[in-house]
């Protein structure tokens, strides 16, 4: 008997952004390695790439890491 059940269908209201197809899907249609989410609304999933870019920018310039920001002179 398997310890973990393979989930084939998402819950209603779970939205994902598929990186391979560049589309929003309700429930996990594509493999996990190709998607971002879950998001609470379709609109949040539509803006997944923008959200990821913003978060990456914040993390790259986080002063807690002590690294030089990428956009700083000499970086």
PDB file of N, CA and C in Angstrom:
ATOM      1  N   UNK A   1       0.840  -1.182   0.000  1.00  0.00           N
ATOM      2  CA  UNK A   1       0.000   0.000   0.000  1.00  0.00           C
ATOM      3  C   UNK A   1       0.885   1.244   0.000  1.00  0.00           C
ATOM      4  N   UNK A   2       0.569   2.181  -0.837  1.00  0.00           N
ATOM      5  CA  UNK A   2       1.358   3.404  -0.958  1.00  0.00           C
ATOM      6  C   UNK A   2       1.131   4.305   0.249  1.00  0.00           C
ATOM      7  N   UNK A   3       2.197   4.975   0.657  1.00  0.00           N
ATOM      8  CA  UNK A   3       2.081   5.900   1.784  1.00  0.00           C
ATOM      9  C   UNK A   3       1.413   7.201   1.377  1.00  0.00           C
ATOM     10  N   UNK A   4       1.646   7.605   0.138  1.00  0.00           N
ATOM     11  CA  UNK A   4       1.083   8.863  -0.338  1.00  0.00           C
ATOM     12  C   UNK A   4       0.177   8.591  -1.521  1.00  0.00           C
ATOM     13  N   UNK A   5      -0.960   9.230  -1.502  1.00  0.00           N
ATOM     14  CA  UNK A   5      -1.898   9.093  -2.597  1.00  0.00           C
ATOM     15  C   UNK A   5      -1.533  10.086  -3.689  1.00  0.00           C
ATOM     16  N   UNK A   6      -1.515   9.655  -4.903  1.00  0.00           N
ATOM     17  CA  UNK A   6      -1.243  10.549  -6.022  1.00  0.00           C
ATOM     18  C   UNK A   6      -2.502  11.352  -6.306  1.00  0.00           C
ATOM     19  N   UNK A   7      -2.353  12.674  -6.276  1.00  0.00           N
ATOM     20  CA  UNK A   7      -3.490  13.548  -6.501  1.00  0.00           C
ATOM     21  C   UNK A   7      -3.607  13.843  -7.984  1.00  0.00           C
ATOM     22  N   UNK A   8      -4.692  13.447  -8.578  1.00  0.00           N
ATOM     23  CA  UNK A   8      -4.863  13.641 -10.013  1.00  0.00           C
ATOM     24  C   UNK A   8      -5.723  14.845 -10.336  1.00  0.00           C
ATOM     25  N   UNK A   9      -6.576  15.253  -9.414  1.00  0.00           N
ATOM     26  CA  UNK A   9      -7.446  16.396  -9.668  1.00  0.00           C
ATOM     27  C   UNK A   9      -7.280  17.410  -8.558  1.00  0.00           C
ATOM     28  N   UNK A  10      -7.335  18.663  -8.924  1.00  0.00           N
ATOM     29  CA  UNK A  10      -7.210  19.727  -7.944  1.00  0.00           C
ATOM     30  C   UNK A  10      -8.525  20.012  -7.256  1.00  0.00           C
ATOM     31  N   UNK A  11      -8.428  20.797  -6.233  1.00  0.00           N
ATOM     32  CA  UNK A  11      -9.628  21.231  -5.533  1.00  0.00           C
ATOM     33  C   UNK A  11     -10.255  22.370  -6.321  1.00  0.00           C
ATOM     34  N   UNK A  12     -11.571  22.504  -6.274  1.00  0.00           N
ATOM     35  CA  UNK A  12     -12.199  23.639  -6.944  1.00  0.00           C
ATOM     36  C   UNK A  12     -11.648  24.942  -6.370  1.00  0.00           C
ATOM     37  N   UNK A  13     -11.329  25.864  -7.238  1.00  0.00           N
ATOM     38  CA  UNK A  13     -10.804  27.147  -6.795  1.00  0.00           C
ATOM     39  C   UNK A  13      -9.298  27.205  -6.700  1.00  0.00           C
ATOM     40  N   UNK A  14      -8.586  26.125  -6.998  1.00  0.00           N
ATOM     41  CA  UNK A  14      -7.123  26.148  -7.043  1.00  0.00           C
ATOM     42  C   UNK A  14      -6.700  26.486  -8.467  1.00  0.00           C
ATOM     43  N   UNK A  15      -5.898  27.518  -8.597  1.00  0.00           N
ATOM     44  CA  UNK A  15      -5.442  27.966  -9.908  1.00  0.00           C
ATOM     45  C   UNK A  15      -3.932  27.857  -9.994  1.00  0.00           C
ATOM     46  N   UNK A  16      -3.446  27.464 -11.153  1.00  0.00           N
ATOM     47  CA  UNK A  16      -2.015  27.291 -11.400  1.00  0.00           C
ATOM     48  C   UNK A  16      -1.630  28.004 -12.687  1.00  0.00           C
ATOM     49  N   UNK A  17      -0.345  28.332 -12.793  1.00  0.00           N
ATOM     50  CA  UNK A  17       0.187  28.867 -14.038  1.00  0.00           C
ATOM     51  C   UNK A  17       1.160  27.841 -14.594  1.00  0.00           C
ATOM     52  N   UNK A  18       0.908  27.353 -15.803  1.00  0.00           N
ATOM     53  CA  UNK A  18       1.763  26.352 -16.428  1.00  0.00           C
ATOM     54  C   UNK A  18       2.896  27.060 -17.162  1.00  0.00           C
ATOM     55  N   UNK A  19       4.127  26.780 -16.752  1.00  0.00           N
ATOM     56  CA  UNK A  19       5.300  27.399 -17.367  1.00  0.00           C
ATOM     57  C   UNK A  19       5.541  26.863 -18.776  1.00  0.00           C
ATOM     58  N   UNK A  20       5.230  25.608 -19.015  1.00  0.00           N
ATOM     59  CA  UNK A  20       5.471  24.999 -20.321  1.00  0.00           C
ATOM     60  C   UNK A  20       4.518  25.544 -21.387  1.00  0.00           C
ATOM     61  N   UNK A  21       3.253  25.688 -21.026  1.00  0.00           N
ATOM     62  CA  UNK A  21       2.249  26.126 -21.996  1.00  0.00           C
ATOM     63  C   UNK A  21       1.928  27.612 -21.898  1.00  0.00           C
ATOM     64  N   UNK A  22       2.396  28.277 -20.829  1.00  0.00           N
ATOM     65  CA  UNK A  22       2.128  29.704 -20.656  1.00  0.00           C
ATOM     66  C   UNK A  22       0.653  30.009 -20.487  1.00  0.00           C
ATOM     67  N   UNK A  23      -0.036  29.133 -19.742  1.00  0.00           N
ATOM     68  CA  UNK A  23      -1.470  29.347 -19.561  1.00  0.00           C
ATOM     69  C   UNK A  23      -1.887  29.071 -18.120  1.00  0.00           C
ATOM     70  N   UNK A  24      -3.029  29.614 -17.775  1.00  0.00           N
ATOM     71  CA  UNK A  24      -3.623  29.411 -16.452  1.00  0.00           C
ATOM     72  C   UNK A  24      -4.513  28.177 -16.535  1.00  0.00           C
ATOM     73  N   UNK A  25      -4.467  27.353 -15.492  1.00  0.00           N
ATOM     74  CA  UNK A  25      -5.305  26.162 -15.454  1.00  0.00           C
ATOM     75  C   UNK A  25      -5.942  26.028 -14.076  1.00  0.00           C
ATOM     76  N   UNK A  26      -7.175  25.556 -14.059  1.00  0.00           N
ATOM     77  CA  UNK A  26      -7.845  25.298 -12.780  1.00  0.00           C
ATOM     78  C   UNK A  26      -7.570  23.853 -12.411  1.00  0.00           C
ATOM     79  N   UNK A  27      -6.955  23.685 -11.267  1.00  0.00           N
ATOM     80  CA  UNK A  27      -6.527  22.352 -10.855  1.00  0.00           C
ATOM     81  C   UNK A  27      -5.216  22.014 -11.541  1.00  0.00           C
ATOM     82  N   UNK A  28      -4.455  21.101 -10.963  1.00  0.00           N
ATOM     83  CA  UNK A  28      -3.157  20.762 -11.546  1.00  0.00           C
ATOM     84  C   UNK A  28      -3.300  19.862 -12.771  1.00  0.00           C
ATOM     85  N   UNK A  29      -3.264  20.461 -13.952  1.00  0.00           N
ATOM     86  CA  UNK A  29      -3.346  19.685 -15.190  1.00  0.00           C
ATOM     87  C   UNK A  29      -1.966  19.203 -15.618  1.00  0.00           C
ATOM     88  N   UNK A  30      -0.973  20.061 -15.509  1.00  0.00           N
ATOM     89  CA  UNK A  30       0.393  19.731 -15.932  1.00  0.00           C
ATOM     90  C   UNK A  30       1.219  19.272 -14.726  1.00  0.00           C
ATOM     91  N   UNK A  31       2.359  18.608 -14.971  1.00  0.00           N
ATOM     92  CA  UNK A  31       3.207  18.146 -13.865  1.00  0.00           C
ATOM     93  C   UNK A  31       3.676  19.301 -12.975  1.00  0.00           C
ATOM     94  N   UNK A  32       3.915  19.011 -11.722  1.00  0.00           N
ATOM     95  CA  UNK A  32       4.314  20.027 -10.744  1.00  0.00           C
ATOM     96  C   UNK A  32       5.577  20.765 -11.167  1.00  0.00           C
ATOM     97  N   UNK A  33       6.496  20.086 -11.842  1.00  0.00           N
ATOM     98  CA  UNK A  33       7.744  20.730 -12.252  1.00  0.00           C
ATOM     99  C   UNK A  33       7.516  21.846 -13.272  1.00  0.00           C
ATOM    100  N   UNK A  34       6.336  21.889 -13.887  1.00  0.00           N
ATOM    101  CA  UNK A  34       6.041  22.880 -14.916  1.00  0.00           C
ATOM    102  C   UNK A  34       5.049  23.944 -14.487  1.00  0.00           C
ATOM    103  N   UNK A  35       4.723  24.015 -13.193  1.00  0.00           N
ATOM    104  CA  UNK A  35       3.678  24.970 -12.820  1.00  0.00           C
ATOM    105  C   UNK A  35       4.018  25.748 -11.557  1.00  0.00           C
ATOM    106  N   UNK A  36       3.399  26.903 -11.435  1.00  0.00           N
ATOM    107  CA  UNK A  36       3.464  27.731 -10.241  1.00  0.00           C
ATOM    108  C   UNK A  36       2.084  27.730  -9.612  1.00  0.00           C
ATOM    109  N   UNK A  37       2.035  27.722  -8.284  1.00  0.00           N
ATOM    110  CA  UNK A  37       0.748  27.768  -7.617  1.00  0.00           C
ATOM    111  C   UNK A  37       0.689  26.753  -6.502  1.00  0.00           C
ATOM    112  N   UNK A  38      -0.416  26.611  -5.868  1.00  0.00           N
ATOM    113  CA  UNK A  38      -1.730  27.114  -6.259  1.00  0.00           C
ATOM    114  C   UNK A  38      -1.952  28.567  -5.860  1.00  0.00           C
ATOM    115  N   UNK A  39      -2.806  29.214  -6.616  1.00  0.00           N
ATOM    116  CA  UNK A  39      -3.239  30.576  -6.339  1.00  0.00           C
ATOM    117  C   UNK A  39      -4.717  30.537  -5.991  1.00  0.00           C
ATOM    118  N   UNK A  40      -5.163  31.516  -5.225  1.00  0.00           N
ATOM    119  CA  UNK A  40      -6.553  31.553  -4.781  1.00  0.00           C
ATOM    120  C   UNK A  40      -7.529  31.996  -5.850  1.00  0.00           C
ATOM    121  N   UNK A  41      -7.045  32.769  -6.830  1.00  0.00           N
ATOM    122  CA  UNK A  41      -7.928  33.255  -7.887  1.00  0.00           C
ATOM    123  C   UNK A  41      -7.257  33.112  -9.251  1.00  0.00           C
ATOM    124  N   UNK A  42      -8.064  33.137 -10.272  1.00  0.00           N
ATOM    125  CA  UNK A  42      -7.545  33.079 -11.639  1.00  0.00           C
ATOM    126  C   UNK A  42      -6.647  34.286 -11.920  1.00  0.00           C
ATOM    127  N   UNK A  43      -7.047  35.463 -11.420  1.00  0.00           N
ATOM    128  CA  UNK A  43      -6.275  36.683 -11.650  1.00  0.00           C
ATOM    129  C   UNK A  43      -4.873  36.582 -11.043  1.00  0.00           C
ATOM    130  N   UNK A  44      -4.763  36.024  -9.850  1.00  0.00           N
ATOM    131  CA  UNK A  44      -3.448  35.836  -9.232  1.00  0.00           C
ATOM    132  C   UNK A  44      -2.584  34.918 -10.088  1.00  0.00           C
ATOM    133  N   UNK A  45      -3.173  33.848 -10.608  1.00  0.00           N
ATOM    134  CA  UNK A  45      -2.432  32.918 -11.457  1.00  0.00           C
ATOM    135  C   UNK A  45      -2.011  33.582 -12.766  1.00  0.00           C
ATOM    136  N   UNK A  46      -2.853  34.462 -13.303  1.00  0.00           N
ATOM    137  CA  UNK A  46      -2.516  35.174 -14.541  1.00  0.00           C
ATOM    138  C   UNK A  46      -1.291  36.060 -14.364  1.00  0.00           C
ATOM    139  N   UNK A  47      -1.060  36.530 -13.151  1.00  0.00           N
ATOM    140  CA  UNK A  47       0.069  37.421 -12.855  1.00  0.00           C
ATOM    141  C   UNK A  47       1.230  36.675 -12.191  1.00  0.00           C
ATOM    142  N   UNK A  48       1.266  35.355 -12.330  1.00  0.00           N
ATOM    143  CA  UNK A  48       2.277  34.537 -11.662  1.00  0.00           C
ATOM    144  C   UNK A  48       3.694  34.927 -12.057  1.00  0.00           C
ATOM    145  N   UNK A  49       3.942  35.164 -13.321  1.00  0.00           N
ATOM    146  CA  UNK A  49       5.293  35.505 -13.769  1.00  0.00           C
ATOM    147  C   UNK A  49       5.715  36.878 -13.252  1.00  0.00           C
ATOM    148  N   UNK A  50       4.791  37.809 -13.226  1.00  0.00           N
ATOM    149  CA  UNK A  50       5.078  39.141 -12.681  1.00  0.00           C
ATOM    150  C   UNK A  50       5.396  39.047 -11.189  1.00  0.00           C
ATOM    151  N   UNK A  51       4.612  38.263 -10.462  1.00  0.00           N
ATOM    152  CA  UNK A  51       4.846  38.060  -9.036  1.00  0.00           C
ATOM    153  C   UNK A  51       6.214  37.421  -8.804  1.00  0.00           C
ATOM    154  N   UNK A  52       6.556  36.427  -9.611  1.00  0.00           N
ATOM    155  CA  UNK A  52       7.854  35.755  -9.481  1.00  0.00           C
ATOM    156  C   UNK A  52       8.999  36.728  -9.751  1.00  0.00           C
ATOM    157  N   UNK A  53       8.863  37.570 -10.780  1.00  0.00           N
ATOM    158  CA  UNK A  53       9.900  38.576 -11.086  1.00  0.00           C
ATOM    159  C   UNK A  53      10.095  39.545  -9.921  1.00  0.00           C
ATOM    160  N   UNK A  54       8.977  40.008  -9.354  1.00  0.00           N
ATOM    161  CA  UNK A  54       9.049  40.942  -8.218  1.00  0.00           C
ATOM    162  C   UNK A  54       9.726  40.286  -7.018  1.00  0.00           C
ATOM    163  N   UNK A  55       9.366  39.062  -6.721  1.00  0.00           N
ATOM    164  CA  UNK A  55       9.965  38.359  -5.576  1.00  0.00           C
ATOM    165  C   UNK A  55      11.446  38.094  -5.809  1.00  0.00           C
ATOM    166  N   UNK A  56      11.808  37.710  -7.021  1.00  0.00           N
ATOM    167  CA  UNK A  56      13.223  37.485  -7.332  1.00  0.00           C
ATOM    168  C   UNK A  56      14.023  38.766  -7.153  1.00  0.00           C
ATOM    169  N   UNK A  57      13.473  39.877  -7.594  1.00  0.00           N
ATOM    170  CA  UNK A  57      14.147  41.174  -7.444  1.00  0.00           C
ATOM    171  C   UNK A  57      14.351  41.498  -5.964  1.00  0.00           C
ATOM    172  N   UNK A  58      13.313  41.271  -5.157  1.00  0.00           N
ATOM    173  CA  UNK A  58      13.431  41.518  -3.710  1.00  0.00           C
ATOM    174  C   UNK A  58      14.502  40.636  -3.089  1.00  0.00           C
ATOM    175  N   UNK A  59      14.517  39.362  -3.448  1.00  0.00           N
ATOM    176  CA  UNK A  59      15.478  38.426  -2.864  1.00  0.00           C
ATOM    177  C   UNK A  59      16.903  38.744  -3.312  1.00  0.00           C
ATOM    178  N   UNK A  60      17.076  39.122  -4.575  1.00  0.00           N
ATOM    179  CA  UNK A  60      18.411  39.429  -5.088  1.00  0.00           C
ATOM    180  C   UNK A  60      19.004  40.665  -4.419  1.00  0.00           C
ATOM    181  N   UNK A  61      18.143  41.577  -3.974  1.00  0.00           N
ATOM    182  CA  UNK A  61      18.600  42.812  -3.358  1.00  0.00           C
ATOM    183  C   UNK A  61      18.350  42.862  -1.858  1.00  0.00           C
ATOM    184  N   UNK A  62      18.128  41.720  -1.239  1.00  0.00           N
ATOM    185  CA  UNK A  62      17.874  41.650   0.195  1.00  0.00           C
ATOM    186  C   UNK A  62      19.171  41.933   0.960  1.00  0.00           C
ATOM    187  N   UNK A  63      19.217  43.000   1.760  1.00  0.00           N
ATOM    188  CA  UNK A  63      20.446  43.350   2.479  1.00  0.00           C
ATOM    189  C   UNK A  63      20.859  42.315   3.531  1.00  0.00           C
ATOM    190  N   UNK A  64      19.954  41.452   3.951  1.00  0.00           N
ATOM    191  CA  UNK A  64      20.297  40.426   4.939  1.00  0.00           C
ATOM    192  C   UNK A  64      21.328  39.430   4.399  1.00  0.00           C
ATOM    193  N   UNK A  65      21.414  39.301   3.089  1.00  0.00           N
ATOM    194  CA  UNK A  65      22.362  38.357   2.501  1.00  0.00           C
ATOM    195  C   UNK A  65      23.746  38.966   2.361  1.00  0.00           C
ATOM    196  N   UNK A  66      23.859  40.282   2.398  1.00  0.00           N
ATOM    197  CA  UNK A  66      25.154  40.941   2.351  1.00  0.00           C
ATOM    198  C   UNK A  66      25.817  40.940   0.990  1.00  0.00           C
ATOM    199  N   UNK A  67      25.119  40.490  -0.023  1.00  0.00           N
ATOM    200  CA  UNK A  67      25.670  40.504  -1.371  1.00  0.00           C
ATOM    201  C   UNK A  67      25.469  41.881  -2.001  1.00  0.00           C
ATOM    202  N   UNK A  68      26.264  42.164  -3.010  1.00  0.00           N
ATOM    203  CA  UNK A  68      26.096  43.394  -3.762  1.00  0.00           C
ATOM    204  C   UNK A  68      24.902  43.215  -4.687  1.00  0.00           C
ATOM    205  N   UNK A  69      23.962  44.178  -4.702  1.00  0.00           N
ATOM    206  CA  UNK A  69      22.826  44.056  -5.633  1.00  0.00           C
ATOM    207  C   UNK A  69      23.336  43.964  -7.065  1.00  0.00           C
ATOM    208  N   UNK A  70      22.606  43.243  -7.889  1.00  0.00           N
ATOM    209  CA  UNK A  70      23.014  43.040  -9.274  1.00  0.00           C
ATOM    210  C   UNK A  70      23.057  44.328 -10.074  1.00  0.00           C
ATOM    211  N   UNK A  71      22.206  45.278  -9.719  1.00  0.00           N
ATOM    212  CA  UNK A  71      22.179  46.512 -10.493  1.00  0.00           C
ATOM    213  C   UNK A  71      23.146  47.567  -9.918  1.00  0.00           C
ATOM    214  N   UNK A  72      23.923  47.210  -8.913  1.00  0.00           N
ATOM    215  CA  UNK A  72      24.886  48.154  -8.323  1.00  0.00           C
ATOM    216  C   UNK A  72      26.136  48.235  -9.211  1.00  0.00           C
ATOM    217  N   UNK A  73      26.799  49.402  -9.216  1.00  0.00           N
ATOM    218  CA  UNK A  73      28.023  49.539 -10.013  1.00  0.00           C
ATOM    219  C   UNK A  73      29.080  48.522  -9.540  1.00  0.00           C
ATOM    220  N   UNK A  74      29.734  47.908 -10.499  1.00  0.00           N
ATOM    221  CA  UNK A  74      30.782  46.935 -10.183  1.00  0.00           C
ATOM    222  C   UNK A  74      30.274  45.538  -9.899  1.00  0.00           C
ATOM    223  N   UNK A  75      28.967  45.333 -10.046  1.00  0.00           N
ATOM    224  CA  UNK A  75      28.384  44.015  -9.777  1.00  0.00           C
ATOM    225  C   UNK A  75      28.607  43.090 -10.949  1.00  0.00           C
TER     226      UNK A  75
END
